[in-house]
C-alpha atoms as a PDB file:
ATOM      1  CA  MET A   1      53.320  91.011  78.826  1.00  0.00           C
ATOM      2  CA  LEU A   2      56.815  90.662  80.197  1.00  0.00           C
ATOM      3  CA  TYR A   3      58.089  92.859  82.988  1.00  0.00           C
ATOM      4  CA  GLU A   4      61.542  93.736  84.250  1.00  0.00           C
ATOM      5  CA  LYS A   5      61.838  95.918  87.356  1.00  0.00           C
ATOM      6  CA  GLU A   6      58.119  96.725  87.141  1.00  0.00           C
ATOM      7  CA  ASN A   7      58.473  98.054  83.575  1.00  0.00           C
ATOM      8  CA  GLU A   8      56.807  96.390  80.616  1.00  0.00           C
ATOM      9  CA  VAL A   9      59.502  95.231  78.194  1.00  0.00           C
ATOM     10  CA  ILE A  10      57.584  92.983  75.778  1.00  0.00           C
ATOM     11  CA  SER A  11      53.902  92.737  74.921  1.00  0.00           C
ATOM     12  CA  LEU A  12      52.227  90.308  72.537  1.00  0.00           C
ATOM     13  CA  LYS A  13      48.573  90.520  71.563  1.00  0.00           C
ATOM     14  CA  LEU A  14      46.785  87.352  70.434  1.00  0.00           C
ATOM     15  CA  ASN A  15      43.231  86.597  69.362  1.00  0.00           C
ATOM     16  CA  ALA A  16      42.153  83.611  71.432  1.00  0.00           C
ATOM     17  CA  THR A  17      38.641  83.395  70.001  1.00  0.00           C
ATOM     18  CA  GLY A  18      37.767  79.768  69.314  1.00  0.00           C
ATOM     19  CA  THR A  19      40.841  78.401  71.086  1.00  0.00           C
ATOM     20  CA  ASN A  20      41.266  76.409  74.254  1.00  0.00           C
ATOM     21  CA  ARG A  21      43.624  76.647  77.218  1.00  0.00           C
ATOM     22  CA  LEU A  22      46.389  74.860  75.314  1.00  0.00           C
ATOM     23  CA  ASP A  23      46.327  76.227  71.753  1.00  0.00           C
ATOM     24  CA  TRP A  24      45.718  79.977  72.108  1.00  0.00           C
ATOM     25  CA  PHE A  25      49.463  80.784  72.022  1.00  0.00           C
ATOM     26  CA  SER A  26      50.261  80.412  68.310  1.00  0.00           C
ATOM     27  CA  GLN A  27      51.536  82.386  65.334  1.00  0.00           C
ATOM     28  CA  ALA A  28      48.124  82.084  63.647  1.00  0.00           C
ATOM     29  CA  ASN A  29      46.543  83.933  66.585  1.00  0.00           C
ATOM     30  CA  LEU A  30      49.176  86.666  66.795  1.00  0.00           C
ATOM     31  CA  ILE A  31      47.787  90.162  66.265  1.00  0.00           C
ATOM     32  CA  SER A  32      50.792  92.252  67.260  1.00  0.00           C
ATOM     33  CA  SER A  33      54.235  92.028  68.841  1.00  0.00           C
ATOM     34  CA  PRO A  34      57.337  94.217  69.096  1.00  0.00           C
ATOM     35  CA  TRP A  35      59.049  91.956  66.555  1.00  0.00           C
ATOM     36  CA  ASN A  36      57.893  93.312  63.197  1.00  0.00           C
ATOM     37  CA  ASP A  37      58.809  90.147  61.297  1.00  0.00           C
ATOM     38  CA  LEU A  38      57.148  87.579  63.543  1.00  0.00           C
ATOM     39  CA  THR A  39      53.742  87.485  61.844  1.00  0.00           C
ATOM     40  CA  SER A  40      55.312  86.982  58.412  1.00  0.00           C
ATOM     41  CA  THR A  41      58.168  84.587  59.251  1.00  0.00           C
ATOM     42  CA  ALA A  42      57.490  81.188  57.700  1.00  0.00           C
ATOM     43  CA  ASN A  43      58.451  77.773  59.017  1.00  0.00           C
ATOM     44  CA  LEU A  44      58.879  78.519  62.697  1.00  0.00           C
ATOM     45  CA  LEU A  45      60.121  75.534  64.640  1.00  0.00           C
ATOM     46  CA  PHE A  46      58.023  76.420  67.696  1.00  0.00           C
ATOM     47  CA  PHE A  47      55.347  78.941  68.514  1.00  0.00           C
ATOM     48  CA  ASN A  48      53.465  77.253  71.305  1.00  0.00           C
ATOM     49  CA  MET A  49      53.188  76.837  75.042  1.00  0.00           C
ATOM     50  CA  THR A  50      55.054  73.548  75.328  1.00  0.00           C
ATOM     51  CA  GLY A  51      58.031  74.210  73.040  1.00  0.00           C
ATOM     52  CA  GLY A  52      60.744  71.591  73.064  1.00  0.00           C
ATOM     53  CA  TRP A  53      63.548  70.425  75.328  1.00  0.00           C
ATOM     54  CA  ASN A  54      61.689  71.368  78.535  1.00  0.00           C
ATOM     55  CA  ARG A  55      61.031  74.899  77.273  1.00  0.00           C
ATOM     56  CA  TYR A  56      57.740  76.768  77.504  1.00  0.00           C
ATOM     57  CA  PHE A  57      56.099  79.638  75.633  1.00  0.00           C
ATOM     58  CA  GLU A  58      58.738  79.148  72.989  1.00  0.00           C
ATOM     59  CA  ILE A  59      58.895  81.145  69.762  1.00  0.00           C
ATOM     60  CA  THR A  60      61.859  79.737  67.848  1.00  0.00           C
ATOM     61  CA  LYS A  61      62.967  79.955  64.232  1.00  0.00           C
ATOM     62  CA  SER A  62      65.510  77.161  64.407  1.00  0.00           C
ATOM     63  CA  CYS A  63      67.444  74.942  66.781  1.00  0.00           C
ATOM     64  CA  GLY A  64      70.729  73.761  65.361  1.00  0.00           C
ATOM     65  CA  GLY A  65      72.294  72.666  68.614  1.00  0.00           C
ATOM     66  CA  CYS A  66      72.709  74.859  71.671  1.00  0.00           C
ATOM     67  CA  SER A  67      75.093  77.319  70.013  1.00  0.00           C
ATOM     68  CA  ALA A  68      72.741  77.863  67.052  1.00  0.00           C
ATOM     69  CA  ASP A  69      69.320  78.261  68.719  1.00  0.00           C
ATOM     70  CA  VAL A  70      67.570  81.275  67.196  1.00  0.00           C
ATOM     71  CA  GLY A  71      64.314  82.753  68.372  1.00  0.00           C
ATOM     72  CA  TRP A  72      62.245  85.502  69.895  1.00  0.00           C
ATOM     73  CA  LEU A  73      60.965  84.221  73.245  1.00  0.00           C
ATOM     74  CA  VAL A  74      61.365  81.265  75.607  1.00  0.00           C
ATOM     75  CA  ILE A  75      60.914  80.222  79.206  1.00  0.00           C
ATOM     76  CA  THR A  76      64.015  78.123  79.635  1.00  0.00           C
ATOM     77  CA  GLY A  77      64.260  74.591  80.916  1.00  0.00           C
ATOM     78  CA  GLY A  78      68.017  74.246  81.254  1.00  0.00           C
ATOM     79  CA  GLY A  79      68.874  72.050  78.281  1.00  0.00           C
ATOM     80  CA  CYS A  80      71.593  74.361  76.907  1.00  0.00           C
ATOM     81  CA  PRO A  81      74.360  76.408  78.578  1.00  0.00           C
ATOM     82  CA  TRP A  82      72.761  79.704  77.488  1.00  0.00           C
ATOM     83  CA  GLU A  83      69.653  78.716  79.453  1.00  0.00           C
ATOM     84  CA  THR A  84      71.515  78.379  82.734  1.00  0.00           C
ATOM     85  CA  ARG A  85      73.340  81.739  82.890  1.00  0.00           C
ATOM     86  CA  VAL A  86      70.893  82.600  85.663  1.00  0.00           C
ATOM     87  CA  ALA A  87      68.623  80.431  87.810  1.00  0.00           C
ATOM     88  CA  ILE A  88      66.044  78.512  85.776  1.00  0.00           C
ATOM     89  CA  PRO A  89      63.364  78.789  84.767  1.00  0.00           C
ATOM     90  CA  ILE A  90      63.941  82.243  83.321  1.00  0.00           C
ATOM     91  CA  ILE A  91      62.054  84.177  80.666  1.00  0.00           C
ATOM     92  CA  GLN A  92      64.421  85.135  77.842  1.00  0.00           C
ATOM     93  CA  TYR A  93      63.481  87.328  74.904  1.00  0.00           C
ATOM     94  CA  ASN A  94      65.232  88.724  71.871  1.00  0.00           C
ATOM     95  CA  ILE A  95      65.860  92.462  72.151  1.00  0.00           C
ATOM     96  CA  TYR A  96      66.216  92.877  68.396  1.00  0.00           C
ATOM     97  CA  TYR A  97      63.004  93.793  66.663  1.00  0.00           C
ATOM     98  CA  GLN A  98      63.630  92.040  63.368  1.00  0.00           C
ATOM     99  CA  PHE A  99      65.722  89.154  62.181  1.00  0.00           C
ATOM    100  CA  SER A 100      67.759  89.887  59.082  1.00  0.00           C
ATOM    101  CA  THR A 101      66.650  88.103  55.946  1.00  0.00           C
ATOM    102  CA  GLY A 102      68.644  85.123  54.849  1.00  0.00           C
ATOM    103  CA  LEU A 103      71.385  84.183  57.258  1.00  0.00           C
ATOM    104  CA  ILE A 104      70.586  85.181  60.829  1.00  0.00           C
ATOM    105  CA  ALA A 105      73.456  87.035  62.446  1.00  0.00           C
ATOM    106  CA  CYS A 106      75.063  85.587  65.558  1.00  0.00           C
ATOM    107  CA  SER A 107      74.009  88.595  67.616  1.00  0.00           C
ATOM    108  CA  HIS A 108      70.411  87.488  67.265  1.00  0.00           C
ATOM    109  CA  ARG A 109      70.928  84.126  68.927  1.00  0.00           C
ATOM    110  CA  PHE A 110      69.717  83.427  72.429  1.00  0.00           C
ATOM    111  CA  SER A 111      73.088  81.849  73.170  1.00  0.00           C
ATOM    112  CA  ILE A 112      75.161  84.998  72.575  1.00  0.00           C
ATOM    113  CA  GLY A 113      73.519  87.009  75.329  1.00  0.00           C
ATOM    114  CA  SER A 114      71.790  89.573  73.135  1.00  0.00           C
ATOM    115  CA  GLY A 115      68.466  88.905  74.787  1.00  0.00           C
ATOM    116  CA  GLY A 116      66.869  90.296  77.868  1.00  0.00           C
ATOM    117  CA  TRP A 117      65.672  88.498  80.960  1.00  0.00           C
ATOM    118  CA  ALA A 118      62.218  89.261  82.242  1.00  0.00           C
ATOM    119  CA  ALA A 119      61.315  88.935  85.896  1.00  0.00           C
ATOM    120  CA  ALA A 120      57.605  88.250  85.413  1.00  0.00           C
ATOM    121  CA  ALA A 121      55.042  87.371  82.781  1.00  0.00           C
ATOM    122  CA  CYS A 122      51.341  88.206  82.870  1.00  0.00           C
ATOM    123  CA  THR A 123      48.538  86.931  80.697  1.00  0.00           C
ATOM    124  CA  HIS A 124      45.445  89.087  80.406  1.00  0.00           C
ATOM    125  CA  VAL A 125      42.265  87.597  78.989  1.00  0.00           C
ATOM    126  CA  LEU A 126      39.468  89.841  77.757  1.00  0.00           C
ATOM    127  CA  LEU A 127      36.049  88.290  77.493  1.00  0.00           C
END
């Protein structure tokens, strides 16, 4: 769950049965999210805890250079200008709930500023 000003803004539910501390965060384990296309989107570049380019908990469709990074969620590491608009690390998420099919519009890119910034992230594990 992601929180901004004590309000939940994003919640993902994953089934971590049979996983370990490193591989539970994956598209295959996703049960639900606010992004209605995330479970069916094929060929994600990242959906894992370690991401790329010093990023964490990254869910990315494509990275075509800093101005063309497209995704749903990331804890930034500072590799691109859009990651350093505020102090890093910062949790950034896409506020749109579905990517358009085919060409992804510029407004859906992390780099354009269409995303939100969360102040805190919590992981709840049910046994």
